[in-house]
Amino acid sequence: MPLEAGLLEILACPACHSPLEERDTELVCTGQDCGLAYPVRDGIPVLLIDEARRPE
């Protein structure tokens, strides 16, 4: 289930404050040096650094 466009515009990566991009069931940081991927569970973004997946 996609997030509302307005919500995605105001969300930022908690680690580096770069914009986030929606991909499948995650929000991925667009920052070059960061790239953390945050899960979206039941339509709710979990923007906790401890819950984020590290870039591969």
C-alpha atoms as a PDB file:
ATOM      1  CA  MET A   1       0.000   0.000   0.000  1.00  0.00           C
ATOM      2  CA  PRO A   2       1.696   3.227  -1.129  1.00  0.00           C
ATOM      3  CA  LEU A   3       2.131   6.089   1.301  1.00  0.00           C
ATOM      4  CA  GLU A   4       0.332   9.351   0.712  1.00  0.00           C
ATOM      5  CA  ALA A   5       2.362  11.716  -1.483  1.00  0.00           C
ATOM      6  CA  GLY A   6       2.158  14.530   1.070  1.00  0.00           C
ATOM      7  CA  LEU A   7       3.551  12.310   3.812  1.00  0.00           C
ATOM      8  CA  LEU A   8       6.492  11.165   1.724  1.00  0.00           C
ATOM      9  CA  GLU A   9       7.392  14.789   0.956  1.00  0.00           C
ATOM     10  CA  ILE A  10       7.856  15.680   4.641  1.00  0.00           C
ATOM     11  CA  LEU A  11       9.645  12.512   5.806  1.00  0.00           C
ATOM     12  CA  ALA A  12      13.446  12.485   6.045  1.00  0.00           C
ATOM     13  CA  CYS A  13      16.079   9.978   7.065  1.00  0.00           C
ATOM     14  CA  PRO A  14      16.597  10.195  10.841  1.00  0.00           C
ATOM     15  CA  ALA A  15      20.327   9.482  10.418  1.00  0.00           C
ATOM     16  CA  CYS A  16      21.342  12.028   7.752  1.00  0.00           C
ATOM     17  CA  HIS A  17      18.150  14.062   7.068  1.00  0.00           C
ATOM     18  CA  SER A  18      18.123  13.273   3.316  1.00  0.00           C
ATOM     19  CA  PRO A  19      14.807  12.666   1.509  1.00  0.00           C
ATOM     20  CA  LEU A  20      13.359   9.158   1.456  1.00  0.00           C
ATOM     21  CA  GLU A  21      12.229   7.202  -1.607  1.00  0.00           C
ATOM     22  CA  GLU A  22       9.523   4.530  -1.502  1.00  0.00           C
ATOM     23  CA  ARG A  23      10.552   1.088  -2.779  1.00  0.00           C
ATOM     24  CA  ASP A  24       8.296  -1.947  -2.290  1.00  0.00           C
ATOM     25  CA  THR A  25       7.851  -2.277   1.489  1.00  0.00           C
ATOM     26  CA  GLU A  26      10.655   0.107   2.468  1.00  0.00           C
ATOM     27  CA  LEU A  27      11.617   3.755   2.513  1.00  0.00           C
ATOM     28  CA  VAL A  28      15.180   4.121   1.264  1.00  0.00           C
ATOM     29  CA  CYS A  29      17.397   7.085   2.083  1.00  0.00           C
ATOM     30  CA  THR A  30      18.595   8.952  -1.010  1.00  0.00           C
ATOM     31  CA  GLY A  31      21.756  10.238   0.686  1.00  0.00           C
ATOM     32  CA  GLN A  32      24.928   9.038  -1.079  1.00  0.00           C
ATOM     33  CA  ASP A  33      26.794   8.121   2.089  1.00  0.00           C
ATOM     34  CA  CYS A  34      23.797   6.738   4.000  1.00  0.00           C
ATOM     35  CA  GLY A  35      21.358   4.571   2.023  1.00  0.00           C
ATOM     36  CA  LEU A  36      19.559   3.086   5.033  1.00  0.00           C
ATOM     37  CA  ALA A  37      16.292   1.292   4.242  1.00  0.00           C
ATOM     38  CA  TYR A  38      13.466   1.702   6.756  1.00  0.00           C
ATOM     39  CA  PRO A  39      10.599  -0.823   6.875  1.00  0.00           C
ATOM     40  CA  VAL A  40       6.950   0.097   6.351  1.00  0.00           C
ATOM     41  CA  ARG A  41       4.710  -2.110   8.503  1.00  0.00           C
ATOM     42  CA  ASP A  42       0.939  -2.050   8.022  1.00  0.00           C
ATOM     43  CA  GLY A  43       1.267   1.235   6.136  1.00  0.00           C
ATOM     44  CA  ILE A  44       3.267   2.884   8.929  1.00  0.00           C
ATOM     45  CA  PRO A  45       6.911   3.875   8.329  1.00  0.00           C
ATOM     46  CA  VAL A  46       9.227   2.675  11.100  1.00  0.00           C
ATOM     47  CA  LEU A  47      11.853   5.420  11.102  1.00  0.00           C
ATOM     48  CA  LEU A  48      14.107   4.004  13.803  1.00  0.00           C
ATOM     49  CA  ILE A  49      17.799   3.723  12.967  1.00  0.00           C
ATOM     50  CA  ASP A  50      18.010   0.434  14.909  1.00  0.00           C
ATOM     51  CA  GLU A  51      15.257  -1.044  12.681  1.00  0.00           C
ATOM     52  CA  ALA A  52      16.844   0.098   9.398  1.00  0.00           C
ATOM     53  CA  ARG A  53      18.548  -2.261   6.967  1.00  0.00           C
ATOM     54  CA  ARG A  54      22.105  -1.302   6.049  1.00  0.00           C
ATOM     55  CA  PRO A  55      22.954  -0.847   2.353  1.00  0.00           C
ATOM     56  CA  GLU A  56      24.498  -3.855   0.659  1.00  0.00           C
END
